[in-house]
C-alpha cells in the first residue's frame, strides 16, 4: 500500500456482491458472515467480528473475537480498525440488500469514515455505487445516460458547479424532506460537482437509460 494513500476493503454480511472485487494494493477486512460469500473470491487479510452468524472457523484466524452483545456492528468495528491503521480510502462490498436497517446503518459507516478524515468512502452494491462526499470538488467517470441521485446526509447540503449532468443548476441546496436531487442523468463520460457545505450521498446506478 502507498505510504500516502491506504485503501481498505470492508466486506459486509449483507447481499453477497456479485461483481469483481478489486483488492490490489488494498488491505481487506472481512466482517463475520461475509466470509461465507467472500472466502474463495478475494484475498482476505483479516477476519473481524463476533462470528455469531458463521458456521466455520475463518482463515486467517481472527486476531480478536468480539462478544455478540455489543454496541457496534461488525462493520463499525472494521471501520474503527481501519482508521487505527491509517486508512484514507474505503470501499465496502456486501452492504446492500438484506435487512433495511443494516443497509441504512452501512450508509452511516461511510459517514463515519469521511468525518474521521478519510479521502473517499464508497459502498458497491449489485446495482449501484454509493459515495459519501464531503466538502470539496469531486469528479467521476461514467457512461452517458446513467441515472445518478444526490441526497443530503447528516444535515442540509449545498452543491455548486455541477457539470456533465442533464440537470445542472448553478446552486443546488438539498435538505431533509425534499427529493429534489433524485434521478439526474449523465450526459458524457465524466461528471463533477463541488460540495460547498455538508455531506452528500451520491448514488450512481449501473443501468443506462
N, C-alpha and C. Protein backbone atom coordinates (compact mmCIF):
# COMPACT_ATOMS: atom_id res chain seq x y z
N UNK A 1 0.83 -1.19 0.00
CA UNK A 1 0.00 0.00 0.00
C UNK A 1 0.87 1.25 0.00
N UNK A 2 0.39 2.27 -0.66
CA UNK A 2 1.13 3.52 -0.74
C UNK A 2 1.27 4.15 0.63
N UNK A 3 2.40 4.82 0.84
CA UNK A 3 2.62 5.49 2.11
C UNK A 3 1.69 6.69 2.26
N UNK A 4 1.26 7.26 1.14
CA UNK A 4 0.40 8.43 1.18
C UNK A 4 -1.09 8.06 1.27
N UNK A 5 -1.52 7.06 0.51
CA UNK A 5 -2.92 6.65 0.49
C UNK A 5 -3.01 5.18 0.89
N UNK A 6 -3.90 4.87 1.79
CA UNK A 6 -4.10 3.50 2.23
C UNK A 6 -5.55 3.11 1.99
N UNK A 7 -5.77 2.19 1.06
CA UNK A 7 -7.11 1.74 0.71
C UNK A 7 -7.46 0.49 1.51
N UNK A 8 -8.63 0.51 2.12
CA UNK A 8 -9.14 -0.63 2.87
C UNK A 8 -10.45 -1.10 2.26
N UNK A 9 -10.57 -2.40 2.03
CA UNK A 9 -11.81 -3.01 1.59
C UNK A 9 -12.48 -3.64 2.80
N UNK A 10 -13.74 -3.32 3.00
CA UNK A 10 -14.52 -3.87 4.10
C UNK A 10 -15.62 -4.75 3.49
N UNK A 11 -15.59 -6.05 3.79
CA UNK A 11 -16.58 -6.99 3.28
C UNK A 11 -17.65 -7.18 4.33
N UNK A 12 -18.91 -6.92 3.97
CA UNK A 12 -20.01 -6.91 4.92
C UNK A 12 -20.96 -8.09 4.68
N UNK A 13 -21.68 -8.46 5.72
CA UNK A 13 -22.56 -9.62 5.67
C UNK A 13 -23.97 -9.24 5.27
N UNK A 14 -24.08 -8.59 4.10
CA UNK A 14 -25.39 -8.29 3.54
C UNK A 14 -25.59 -9.12 2.29
N UNK A 15 -26.16 -8.52 1.26
CA UNK A 15 -26.34 -9.22 -0.01
C UNK A 15 -24.97 -9.52 -0.62
N UNK A 16 -24.66 -10.78 -0.93
CA UNK A 16 -23.35 -11.10 -1.50
C UNK A 16 -23.08 -10.30 -2.77
N UNK A 17 -21.91 -9.70 -2.84
CA UNK A 17 -21.55 -8.91 -4.01
C UNK A 17 -21.21 -9.83 -5.17
N UNK A 18 -21.80 -9.57 -6.35
CA UNK A 18 -21.65 -10.48 -7.49
C UNK A 18 -20.54 -10.08 -8.45
N UNK A 19 -20.10 -8.83 -8.41
CA UNK A 19 -19.11 -8.36 -9.37
C UNK A 19 -17.68 -8.65 -8.94
N UNK A 20 -16.76 -8.09 -9.71
CA UNK A 20 -15.34 -8.26 -9.41
C UNK A 20 -14.96 -7.42 -8.19
N UNK A 21 -14.17 -7.98 -7.31
CA UNK A 21 -13.69 -7.27 -6.13
C UNK A 21 -12.24 -6.89 -6.37
N UNK A 22 -11.97 -5.62 -6.42
CA UNK A 22 -10.64 -5.12 -6.75
C UNK A 22 -9.83 -4.93 -5.48
N UNK A 23 -8.96 -5.90 -5.19
CA UNK A 23 -8.23 -5.89 -3.93
C UNK A 23 -6.75 -5.56 -4.08
N UNK A 24 -6.31 -5.26 -5.30
CA UNK A 24 -4.90 -4.94 -5.50
C UNK A 24 -4.54 -3.70 -4.68
N UNK A 25 -3.40 -3.76 -4.01
CA UNK A 25 -2.88 -2.62 -3.24
C UNK A 25 -3.85 -2.17 -2.15
N UNK A 26 -4.67 -3.08 -1.64
CA UNK A 26 -5.60 -2.75 -0.58
C UNK A 26 -5.48 -3.77 0.55
N UNK A 27 -5.91 -3.36 1.72
CA UNK A 27 -5.98 -4.26 2.88
C UNK A 27 -7.44 -4.67 3.04
N UNK A 28 -7.70 -5.98 3.13
CA UNK A 28 -9.06 -6.50 3.09
C UNK A 28 -9.48 -7.01 4.47
N UNK A 29 -10.53 -6.40 5.03
CA UNK A 29 -11.10 -6.85 6.29
C UNK A 29 -12.45 -7.49 6.01
N UNK A 30 -12.63 -8.71 6.43
CA UNK A 30 -13.87 -9.45 6.22
C UNK A 30 -14.64 -9.49 7.54
N UNK A 31 -15.90 -9.06 7.51
CA UNK A 31 -16.72 -8.99 8.71
C UNK A 31 -17.58 -10.25 8.86
N UNK A 32 -17.28 -11.04 9.85
CA UNK A 32 -18.12 -12.15 10.30
C UNK A 32 -18.67 -12.98 9.13
N UNK A 33 -19.99 -13.01 8.96
CA UNK A 33 -20.63 -13.88 7.98
C UNK A 33 -20.32 -13.57 6.54
N UNK A 34 -19.71 -12.44 6.25
CA UNK A 34 -19.30 -12.15 4.87
C UNK A 34 -18.31 -13.18 4.37
N UNK A 35 -17.65 -13.85 5.30
CA UNK A 35 -16.67 -14.88 4.92
C UNK A 35 -17.31 -15.97 4.07
N UNK A 36 -18.59 -16.25 4.30
CA UNK A 36 -19.25 -17.34 3.58
C UNK A 36 -19.37 -17.06 2.09
N UNK A 37 -19.47 -15.78 1.68
CA UNK A 37 -19.55 -15.47 0.25
C UNK A 37 -18.22 -14.98 -0.33
N UNK A 38 -17.30 -14.56 0.52
CA UNK A 38 -16.07 -13.95 0.04
C UNK A 38 -14.85 -14.86 0.07
N UNK A 39 -14.90 -15.98 0.79
CA UNK A 39 -13.70 -16.75 1.11
C UNK A 39 -12.94 -17.27 -0.10
N UNK A 40 -13.60 -17.61 -1.18
CA UNK A 40 -12.90 -18.13 -2.36
C UNK A 40 -12.84 -17.14 -3.51
N UNK A 41 -13.19 -15.88 -3.22
CA UNK A 41 -13.27 -14.89 -4.29
C UNK A 41 -12.25 -13.77 -4.17
N UNK A 42 -11.75 -13.55 -2.98
CA UNK A 42 -10.84 -12.42 -2.78
C UNK A 42 -9.89 -12.75 -1.64
N UNK A 43 -8.67 -12.24 -1.73
CA UNK A 43 -7.71 -12.40 -0.64
C UNK A 43 -8.25 -11.68 0.60
N UNK A 44 -8.23 -12.34 1.74
CA UNK A 44 -8.67 -11.73 3.00
C UNK A 44 -7.45 -11.57 3.91
N UNK A 45 -7.20 -10.35 4.31
CA UNK A 45 -6.06 -10.09 5.20
C UNK A 45 -6.42 -10.24 6.67
N UNK A 46 -7.68 -9.98 7.00
CA UNK A 46 -8.08 -10.04 8.41
C UNK A 46 -9.56 -10.35 8.51
N UNK A 47 -9.92 -11.30 9.36
CA UNK A 47 -11.31 -11.57 9.70
C UNK A 47 -11.61 -10.92 11.04
N UNK A 48 -12.78 -10.29 11.11
CA UNK A 48 -13.11 -9.50 12.29
C UNK A 48 -14.58 -9.65 12.62
N UNK A 49 -14.92 -9.72 13.91
CA UNK A 49 -16.31 -9.74 14.32
C UNK A 49 -16.55 -10.65 15.50
N UNK A 50 -17.84 -10.96 15.72
CA UNK A 50 -18.21 -11.87 16.80
C UNK A 50 -18.44 -13.28 16.28
N UNK A 51 -18.59 -13.42 14.95
CA UNK A 51 -18.73 -14.72 14.27
C UNK A 51 -19.95 -15.50 14.77
N UNK A 52 -21.01 -14.75 15.13
CA UNK A 52 -22.24 -15.39 15.56
C UNK A 52 -23.08 -15.88 14.39
N UNK A 53 -22.74 -15.46 13.19
CA UNK A 53 -23.50 -15.89 12.01
C UNK A 53 -22.65 -16.71 11.06
N UNK A 54 -21.59 -17.33 11.57
CA UNK A 54 -20.69 -18.12 10.74
C UNK A 54 -20.54 -19.51 11.35
N UNK A 55 -20.67 -20.53 10.50
CA UNK A 55 -20.65 -21.92 11.00
C UNK A 55 -19.29 -22.58 10.86
N UNK A 56 -18.27 -21.83 10.45
CA UNK A 56 -16.93 -22.38 10.29
C UNK A 56 -15.90 -21.40 10.81
N UNK A 57 -14.71 -21.87 11.06
CA UNK A 57 -13.62 -21.01 11.51
C UNK A 57 -12.98 -20.36 10.29
N UNK A 58 -12.97 -19.04 10.22
CA UNK A 58 -12.44 -18.37 9.04
C UNK A 58 -10.92 -18.41 8.98
N UNK A 59 -10.38 -18.23 7.78
CA UNK A 59 -8.94 -18.13 7.58
C UNK A 59 -8.65 -16.82 6.85
N UNK A 60 -7.69 -16.03 7.34
CA UNK A 60 -6.84 -16.28 8.51
C UNK A 60 -7.63 -16.19 9.82
N UNK A 61 -7.09 -16.81 10.84
CA UNK A 61 -7.76 -16.82 12.13
C UNK A 61 -7.91 -15.40 12.66
N UNK A 62 -9.05 -15.09 13.29
CA UNK A 62 -9.27 -13.74 13.83
C UNK A 62 -8.22 -13.37 14.88
N UNK A 63 -7.79 -12.12 14.82
CA UNK A 63 -6.87 -11.61 15.84
C UNK A 63 -7.59 -11.49 17.17
N UNK A 64 -8.87 -11.12 17.11
CA UNK A 64 -9.67 -10.92 18.31
C UNK A 64 -11.11 -11.34 18.01
N UNK A 65 -11.76 -12.00 18.93
CA UNK A 65 -13.16 -12.39 18.78
C UNK A 65 -13.99 -11.51 19.72
N UNK A 66 -14.92 -10.75 19.14
CA UNK A 66 -15.72 -9.80 19.91
C UNK A 66 -16.98 -10.48 20.44
N UNK A 67 -17.54 -10.00 21.55
CA UNK A 67 -18.79 -10.58 22.05
C UNK A 67 -19.95 -10.29 21.11
N UNK A 68 -20.93 -11.17 21.06
CA UNK A 68 -22.08 -10.96 20.18
C UNK A 68 -22.97 -9.83 20.67
N UNK A 69 -23.01 -9.60 22.00
CA UNK A 69 -23.77 -8.48 22.55
C UNK A 69 -22.83 -7.30 22.75
N UNK A 70 -22.93 -6.33 21.84
CA UNK A 70 -22.03 -5.19 21.87
C UNK A 70 -22.74 -3.99 21.26
N UNK A 71 -22.17 -2.81 21.43
CA UNK A 71 -22.81 -1.59 20.93
C UNK A 71 -22.60 -1.40 19.43
N UNK A 72 -21.45 -1.81 18.90
CA UNK A 72 -21.13 -1.58 17.49
C UNK A 72 -21.45 -2.80 16.64
N UNK A 73 -21.79 -2.57 15.37
CA UNK A 73 -21.87 -3.67 14.43
C UNK A 73 -20.46 -4.11 14.05
N UNK A 74 -20.35 -5.28 13.43
CA UNK A 74 -19.03 -5.73 12.98
C UNK A 74 -18.47 -4.75 11.94
N UNK A 75 -19.34 -4.17 11.13
CA UNK A 75 -18.89 -3.19 10.14
C UNK A 75 -18.27 -1.97 10.78
N UNK A 76 -18.85 -1.49 11.88
CA UNK A 76 -18.29 -0.33 12.56
C UNK A 76 -16.96 -0.68 13.22
N UNK A 77 -16.86 -1.88 13.76
CA UNK A 77 -15.59 -2.32 14.33
C UNK A 77 -14.50 -2.35 13.25
N UNK A 78 -14.88 -2.78 12.04
CA UNK A 78 -13.92 -2.84 10.93
C UNK A 78 -13.47 -1.45 10.52
N UNK A 79 -14.41 -0.50 10.47
CA UNK A 79 -14.04 0.88 10.13
C UNK A 79 -13.10 1.45 11.17
N UNK A 80 -13.40 1.21 12.43
CA UNK A 80 -12.53 1.70 13.50
C UNK A 80 -11.14 1.09 13.40
N UNK A 81 -11.09 -0.21 13.12
CA UNK A 81 -9.81 -0.90 12.96
C UNK A 81 -9.03 -0.29 11.80
N UNK A 82 -9.70 -0.05 10.68
CA UNK A 82 -9.03 0.51 9.50
C UNK A 82 -8.51 1.93 9.78
N UNK A 83 -9.30 2.74 10.47
CA UNK A 83 -8.87 4.09 10.80
C UNK A 83 -7.65 4.06 11.72
N UNK A 84 -7.64 3.13 12.66
CA UNK A 84 -6.48 2.99 13.55
C UNK A 84 -5.22 2.61 12.77
N UNK A 85 -5.41 1.93 11.63
CA UNK A 85 -4.29 1.52 10.80
C UNK A 85 -3.93 2.56 9.74
N UNK A 86 -4.58 3.72 9.78
CA UNK A 86 -4.24 4.81 8.88
C UNK A 86 -4.98 4.83 7.57
N UNK A 87 -6.16 4.22 7.50
CA UNK A 87 -6.93 4.17 6.25
C UNK A 87 -7.26 5.57 5.75
N UNK A 88 -7.11 5.76 4.44
CA UNK A 88 -7.51 7.02 3.81
C UNK A 88 -8.66 6.81 2.83
N UNK A 89 -8.80 5.59 2.29
CA UNK A 89 -9.82 5.31 1.29
C UNK A 89 -10.54 4.01 1.67
N UNK A 90 -11.86 4.06 1.63
CA UNK A 90 -12.68 2.91 1.99
C UNK A 90 -13.54 2.46 0.82
N UNK A 91 -13.59 1.14 0.60
CA UNK A 91 -14.55 0.56 -0.34
C UNK A 91 -15.24 -0.58 0.39
N UNK A 92 -16.57 -0.53 0.45
CA UNK A 92 -17.37 -1.55 1.13
C UNK A 92 -18.05 -2.42 0.08
N UNK A 93 -18.03 -3.73 0.31
CA UNK A 93 -18.74 -4.69 -0.53
C UNK A 93 -19.69 -5.50 0.35
N UNK A 94 -20.82 -5.92 -0.23
CA UNK A 94 -21.75 -6.77 0.51
C UNK A 94 -22.63 -6.02 1.48
N UNK A 95 -22.73 -4.71 1.34
CA UNK A 95 -23.52 -3.92 2.28
C UNK A 95 -24.91 -3.58 1.81
N UNK A 96 -25.29 -4.01 0.60
CA UNK A 96 -26.62 -3.73 0.08
C UNK A 96 -27.57 -4.89 0.31
N UNK A 97 -28.83 -4.69 -0.02
CA UNK A 97 -29.81 -5.77 0.10
C UNK A 97 -29.99 -6.20 1.54
N UNK A 98 -30.59 -7.39 1.72
CA UNK A 98 -30.77 -7.91 3.07
C UNK A 98 -31.70 -7.02 3.89
N UNK A 99 -31.40 -6.88 5.16
CA UNK A 99 -32.24 -6.10 6.06
C UNK A 99 -32.06 -4.61 5.83
N UNK A 100 -33.19 -3.90 5.76
CA UNK A 100 -33.15 -2.47 5.50
C UNK A 100 -32.42 -1.71 6.61
N UNK A 101 -32.58 -2.15 7.87
CA UNK A 101 -31.91 -1.43 8.95
C UNK A 101 -30.40 -1.57 8.85
N UNK A 102 -29.92 -2.74 8.44
CA UNK A 102 -28.48 -2.91 8.26
C UNK A 102 -27.97 -2.05 7.09
N UNK A 103 -28.76 -1.99 6.01
CA UNK A 103 -28.34 -1.17 4.87
C UNK A 103 -28.22 0.29 5.27
N UNK A 104 -29.21 0.80 5.99
CA UNK A 104 -29.13 2.19 6.43
C UNK A 104 -27.96 2.40 7.38
N UNK A 105 -27.73 1.42 8.24
CA UNK A 105 -26.57 1.51 9.12
C UNK A 105 -25.26 1.53 8.35
N UNK A 106 -25.19 0.77 7.26
CA UNK A 106 -23.97 0.74 6.45
C UNK A 106 -23.69 2.09 5.81
N UNK A 107 -24.74 2.84 5.47
CA UNK A 107 -24.53 4.19 4.96
C UNK A 107 -23.87 5.07 6.01
N UNK A 108 -24.18 4.82 7.26
CA UNK A 108 -23.56 5.60 8.34
C UNK A 108 -22.08 5.25 8.49
N UNK A 109 -21.68 4.06 8.05
CA UNK A 109 -20.26 3.72 8.08
C UNK A 109 -19.48 4.62 7.11
N UNK A 110 -20.09 4.95 5.97
CA UNK A 110 -19.45 5.88 5.04
C UNK A 110 -19.26 7.24 5.72
N UNK A 111 -20.29 7.67 6.42
CA UNK A 111 -20.24 8.96 7.11
C UNK A 111 -19.16 8.95 8.19
N UNK A 112 -19.07 7.85 8.94
CA UNK A 112 -18.05 7.73 9.99
C UNK A 112 -16.66 7.87 9.40
N UNK A 113 -16.43 7.22 8.25
CA UNK A 113 -15.11 7.26 7.62
C UNK A 113 -14.76 8.67 7.15
N UNK A 114 -15.69 9.33 6.48
CA UNK A 114 -15.42 10.68 5.97
C UNK A 114 -15.22 11.67 7.11
N UNK A 115 -16.05 11.59 8.13
CA UNK A 115 -15.93 12.52 9.25
C UNK A 115 -14.64 12.30 10.03
N UNK A 116 -14.07 11.09 9.92
CA UNK A 116 -12.79 10.82 10.59
C UNK A 116 -11.61 11.27 9.74
N UNK A 117 -11.87 11.81 8.55
CA UNK A 117 -10.80 12.34 7.72
C UNK A 117 -10.45 11.52 6.50
N UNK A 118 -11.20 10.45 6.21
CA UNK A 118 -10.91 9.66 5.02
C UNK A 118 -11.11 10.49 3.75
N UNK A 119 -10.33 10.18 2.75
CA UNK A 119 -10.42 10.90 1.48
C UNK A 119 -11.64 10.46 0.67
N UNK A 120 -11.97 9.16 0.73
CA UNK A 120 -13.12 8.66 -0.03
C UNK A 120 -13.76 7.49 0.70
N UNK A 121 -15.07 7.34 0.48
CA UNK A 121 -15.83 6.23 1.06
C UNK A 121 -16.89 5.81 0.06
N UNK A 122 -16.84 4.55 -0.35
CA UNK A 122 -17.70 4.02 -1.41
C UNK A 122 -18.30 2.70 -0.98
N UNK A 123 -19.60 2.54 -1.19
CA UNK A 123 -20.28 1.27 -0.99
C UNK A 123 -20.71 0.75 -2.36
N UNK A 124 -20.16 -0.40 -2.77
CA UNK A 124 -20.55 -1.03 -4.03
C UNK A 124 -21.63 -2.07 -3.75
N UNK A 125 -22.79 -1.92 -4.39
CA UNK A 125 -23.83 -2.93 -4.32
C UNK A 125 -23.96 -3.58 -5.70
N UNK A 126 -24.87 -4.52 -5.85
CA UNK A 126 -25.04 -5.18 -7.14
C UNK A 126 -25.72 -4.29 -8.17
N UNK A 127 -26.26 -3.16 -7.74
CA UNK A 127 -26.93 -2.29 -8.69
C UNK A 127 -26.41 -0.87 -8.76
N UNK A 128 -25.51 -0.50 -7.85
CA UNK A 128 -25.10 0.91 -7.81
C UNK A 128 -23.78 1.08 -7.07
N UNK A 129 -23.18 2.26 -7.27
CA UNK A 129 -22.07 2.73 -6.46
C UNK A 129 -22.60 3.87 -5.61
N UNK A 130 -22.37 3.81 -4.30
CA UNK A 130 -22.87 4.83 -3.38
C UNK A 130 -21.68 5.48 -2.69
N UNK A 131 -21.49 6.76 -2.95
CA UNK A 131 -20.39 7.53 -2.36
C UNK A 131 -20.94 8.47 -1.29
N UNK A 132 -20.16 8.71 -0.27
CA UNK A 132 -20.44 9.79 0.67
C UNK A 132 -19.40 10.86 0.40
N UNK A 133 -19.85 12.04 0.00
CA UNK A 133 -18.95 13.12 -0.40
C UNK A 133 -18.91 14.20 0.66
N UNK A 134 -17.72 14.55 1.09
CA UNK A 134 -17.54 15.68 1.97
C UNK A 134 -17.33 16.95 1.16
N UNK A 135 -17.02 18.02 1.83
CA UNK A 135 -16.85 19.31 1.15
C UNK A 135 -15.64 19.28 0.23
N UNK A 136 -15.77 19.92 -0.93
CA UNK A 136 -14.70 19.96 -1.91
C UNK A 136 -15.20 19.57 -3.29
N UNK A 137 -14.27 19.52 -4.25
CA UNK A 137 -14.60 19.18 -5.63
C UNK A 137 -14.45 17.68 -5.86
N UNK A 138 -15.36 17.10 -6.65
CA UNK A 138 -15.37 15.67 -6.92
C UNK A 138 -15.69 15.43 -8.38
N UNK A 139 -15.02 14.47 -9.00
CA UNK A 139 -15.27 14.11 -10.40
C UNK A 139 -15.35 12.60 -10.52
N UNK A 140 -16.21 12.11 -11.44
CA UNK A 140 -16.45 10.69 -11.57
C UNK A 140 -16.57 10.28 -13.04
N UNK A 141 -15.89 9.19 -13.44
CA UNK A 141 -16.12 8.64 -14.77
C UNK A 141 -17.49 7.99 -14.83
N UNK A 142 -18.09 7.96 -16.00
CA UNK A 142 -19.42 7.40 -16.14
C UNK A 142 -19.68 7.07 -17.60
N UNK A 143 -20.87 6.54 -17.88
CA UNK A 143 -21.36 6.35 -19.23
C UNK A 143 -22.54 7.29 -19.43
N UNK A 144 -22.66 7.87 -20.60
CA UNK A 144 -23.77 8.77 -20.87
C UNK A 144 -25.08 8.03 -20.68
N UNK A 145 -26.02 8.68 -19.98
CA UNK A 145 -27.32 8.09 -19.78
C UNK A 145 -27.48 7.34 -18.46
N UNK A 146 -26.46 7.37 -17.61
CA UNK A 146 -26.61 6.75 -16.30
C UNK A 146 -27.44 7.66 -15.38
N UNK A 147 -28.24 7.04 -14.53
CA UNK A 147 -29.03 7.79 -13.56
C UNK A 147 -28.23 7.96 -12.28
N UNK A 148 -28.16 9.19 -11.81
CA UNK A 148 -27.50 9.47 -10.54
C UNK A 148 -28.45 10.26 -9.64
N UNK A 149 -28.27 10.10 -8.34
CA UNK A 149 -29.07 10.86 -7.39
C UNK A 149 -28.16 11.46 -6.34
N UNK A 150 -28.57 12.61 -5.83
CA UNK A 150 -27.82 13.33 -4.81
C UNK A 150 -28.74 13.59 -3.62
N UNK A 151 -28.32 13.14 -2.45
CA UNK A 151 -29.14 13.28 -1.25
C UNK A 151 -28.30 13.86 -0.11
N UNK A 152 -28.87 14.74 0.70
CA UNK A 152 -28.12 15.25 1.85
C UNK A 152 -27.99 14.15 2.89
N UNK A 153 -26.90 14.18 3.65
CA UNK A 153 -26.70 13.16 4.69
C UNK A 153 -26.12 13.83 5.92
N UNK A 154 -26.83 13.71 7.04
CA UNK A 154 -26.34 14.30 8.28
C UNK A 154 -26.72 15.76 8.45
N UNK A 155 -27.55 16.29 7.56
CA UNK A 155 -27.95 17.69 7.62
C UNK A 155 -28.09 18.26 6.23
N UNK A 156 -28.36 19.53 6.12
CA UNK A 156 -28.53 20.15 4.81
C UNK A 156 -27.21 20.15 4.05
N UNK A 157 -27.32 20.25 2.72
CA UNK A 157 -26.12 20.26 1.88
C UNK A 157 -26.28 21.30 0.79
N UNK A 158 -25.16 21.87 0.40
CA UNK A 158 -25.12 22.92 -0.63
C UNK A 158 -24.13 22.48 -1.71
N UNK A 159 -24.63 22.33 -2.94
CA UNK A 159 -23.80 21.86 -4.07
C UNK A 159 -23.71 22.95 -5.12
N UNK A 160 -22.51 23.11 -5.67
CA UNK A 160 -22.28 24.08 -6.74
C UNK A 160 -21.46 23.43 -7.84
N UNK A 161 -21.41 24.09 -9.00
CA UNK A 161 -20.54 23.70 -10.11
C UNK A 161 -20.84 22.28 -10.61
N UNK A 162 -22.10 21.94 -10.79
CA UNK A 162 -22.45 20.65 -11.38
C UNK A 162 -22.16 20.69 -12.88
N UNK A 163 -21.42 19.70 -13.36
CA UNK A 163 -21.09 19.62 -14.78
C UNK A 163 -21.25 18.18 -15.26
N UNK A 164 -21.66 18.02 -16.52
CA UNK A 164 -21.81 16.70 -17.09
C UNK A 164 -23.11 16.01 -16.74
N UNK A 165 -24.10 16.79 -16.28
CA UNK A 165 -25.40 16.25 -15.92
C UNK A 165 -26.50 16.99 -16.69
N UNK A 166 -27.59 16.29 -16.95
CA UNK A 166 -28.70 16.91 -17.70
C UNK A 166 -29.28 18.08 -16.93
N UNK A 167 -29.45 17.89 -15.64
CA UNK A 167 -29.97 18.96 -14.79
C UNK A 167 -28.83 19.45 -13.92
N UNK A 168 -28.35 20.66 -14.21
CA UNK A 168 -27.15 21.16 -13.55
C UNK A 168 -27.34 22.61 -13.11
N UNK A 169 -28.16 22.82 -12.07
CA UNK A 169 -28.32 24.18 -11.56
C UNK A 169 -27.01 24.71 -11.01
N UNK A 170 -26.83 26.00 -11.09
CA UNK A 170 -25.60 26.62 -10.60
C UNK A 170 -25.51 26.46 -9.08
N UNK A 171 -26.64 26.49 -8.43
CA UNK A 171 -26.69 26.49 -6.97
C UNK A 171 -27.76 25.49 -6.53
N UNK A 172 -27.36 24.33 -6.00
CA UNK A 172 -28.30 23.29 -5.60
C UNK A 172 -28.25 23.12 -4.09
N UNK A 173 -29.36 23.41 -3.45
CA UNK A 173 -29.44 23.26 -1.99
C UNK A 173 -30.37 22.10 -1.67
N UNK A 174 -29.87 21.14 -0.89
CA UNK A 174 -30.62 19.95 -0.54
C UNK A 174 -30.92 19.94 0.95
N UNK A 175 -32.12 19.53 1.29
CA UNK A 175 -32.49 19.46 2.70
C UNK A 175 -33.37 18.24 2.93
N UNK A 176 -33.47 17.81 4.18
CA UNK A 176 -34.33 16.69 4.52
C UNK A 176 -35.79 17.04 4.24
N UNK A 177 -36.54 16.08 3.71
CA UNK A 177 -37.94 16.30 3.37
C UNK A 177 -38.15 16.70 1.93
N UNK A 178 -37.07 16.83 1.16
CA UNK A 178 -37.17 17.16 -0.26
C UNK A 178 -36.51 16.07 -1.08
N UNK A 179 -37.07 15.79 -2.26
CA UNK A 179 -36.50 14.78 -3.17
C UNK A 179 -35.88 15.44 -4.40
N UNK A 180 -35.47 16.67 -4.27
CA UNK A 180 -35.00 17.44 -5.43
C UNK A 180 -33.82 16.79 -6.15
N UNK A 181 -32.94 16.11 -5.44
CA UNK A 181 -31.73 15.58 -6.07
C UNK A 181 -31.87 14.20 -6.69
N UNK A 182 -33.09 13.65 -6.72
CA UNK A 182 -33.30 12.30 -7.22
C UNK A 182 -33.35 12.27 -8.75
N UNK A 183 -32.72 11.27 -9.35
CA UNK A 183 -32.85 10.91 -10.78
C UNK A 183 -32.39 12.00 -11.74
N UNK A 184 -31.11 12.32 -11.67
CA UNK A 184 -30.47 13.13 -12.69
C UNK A 184 -29.87 12.18 -13.73
N UNK A 185 -29.38 12.71 -14.85
CA UNK A 185 -28.80 11.88 -15.91
C UNK A 185 -27.45 12.41 -16.33
N UNK A 186 -26.50 11.51 -16.53
CA UNK A 186 -25.19 11.90 -17.04
C UNK A 186 -25.28 12.16 -18.54
N UNK A 187 -24.47 13.08 -19.03
CA UNK A 187 -24.51 13.44 -20.46
C UNK A 187 -23.25 13.05 -21.21
N UNK A 188 -22.20 12.64 -20.52
CA UNK A 188 -20.95 12.28 -21.18
C UNK A 188 -20.21 11.22 -20.42
N UNK A 189 -18.89 11.26 -20.49
CA UNK A 189 -18.06 10.23 -19.87
C UNK A 189 -17.51 10.64 -18.51
N UNK A 190 -17.86 11.83 -18.05
CA UNK A 190 -17.43 12.28 -16.72
C UNK A 190 -18.42 13.33 -16.24
N UNK A 191 -18.65 13.37 -14.93
CA UNK A 191 -19.42 14.46 -14.35
C UNK A 191 -18.72 14.90 -13.07
N UNK A 192 -18.99 16.13 -12.66
CA UNK A 192 -18.31 16.68 -11.49
C UNK A 192 -19.23 17.61 -10.73
N UNK A 193 -18.87 17.85 -9.49
CA UNK A 193 -19.63 18.75 -8.63
C UNK A 193 -18.73 19.25 -7.52
N UNK A 194 -19.16 20.32 -6.90
CA UNK A 194 -18.46 20.87 -5.75
C UNK A 194 -19.42 20.92 -4.58
N UNK A 195 -19.09 20.22 -3.51
CA UNK A 195 -19.88 20.28 -2.28
C UNK A 195 -19.40 21.48 -1.47
N UNK A 196 -20.24 22.48 -1.40
CA UNK A 196 -19.89 23.72 -0.71
C UNK A 196 -20.09 23.60 0.80
N UNK A 197 -21.12 22.81 1.18
CA UNK A 197 -21.45 22.68 2.60
C UNK A 197 -22.10 21.32 2.84
N UNK A 198 -21.78 20.68 3.96
CA UNK A 198 -22.44 19.45 4.36
C UNK A 198 -21.85 18.21 3.70
N UNK A 199 -22.60 17.11 3.81
CA UNK A 199 -22.22 15.83 3.22
C UNK A 199 -23.32 15.37 2.27
N UNK A 200 -22.93 14.73 1.18
CA UNK A 200 -23.87 14.34 0.14
C UNK A 200 -23.70 12.87 -0.20
N UNK A 201 -24.81 12.13 -0.22
CA UNK A 201 -24.80 10.78 -0.75
C UNK A 201 -24.98 10.86 -2.26
N UNK A 202 -24.05 10.29 -2.98
CA UNK A 202 -24.14 10.20 -4.44
C UNK A 202 -24.38 8.75 -4.81
N UNK A 203 -25.49 8.47 -5.51
CA UNK A 203 -25.80 7.12 -5.96
C UNK A 203 -25.70 7.09 -7.47
N UNK A 204 -24.77 6.28 -7.99
CA UNK A 204 -24.60 6.10 -9.44
C UNK A 204 -25.16 4.73 -9.80
N UNK A 205 -26.29 4.71 -10.49
CA UNK A 205 -26.92 3.45 -10.87
C UNK A 205 -26.22 2.83 -12.08
N UNK A 206 -26.11 1.51 -12.09
CA UNK A 206 -25.36 0.82 -13.14
C UNK A 206 -26.04 0.89 -14.50
N UNK A 207 -27.37 0.73 -14.54
CA UNK A 207 -28.04 0.66 -15.83
C UNK A 207 -28.03 2.01 -16.53
N UNK A 208 -28.02 1.96 -17.86
CA UNK A 208 -28.02 3.16 -18.70
C UNK A 208 -29.40 3.35 -19.32
N UNK A 209 -29.91 4.56 -19.26
CA UNK A 209 -31.23 4.88 -19.83
C UNK A 209 -31.12 4.96 -21.36
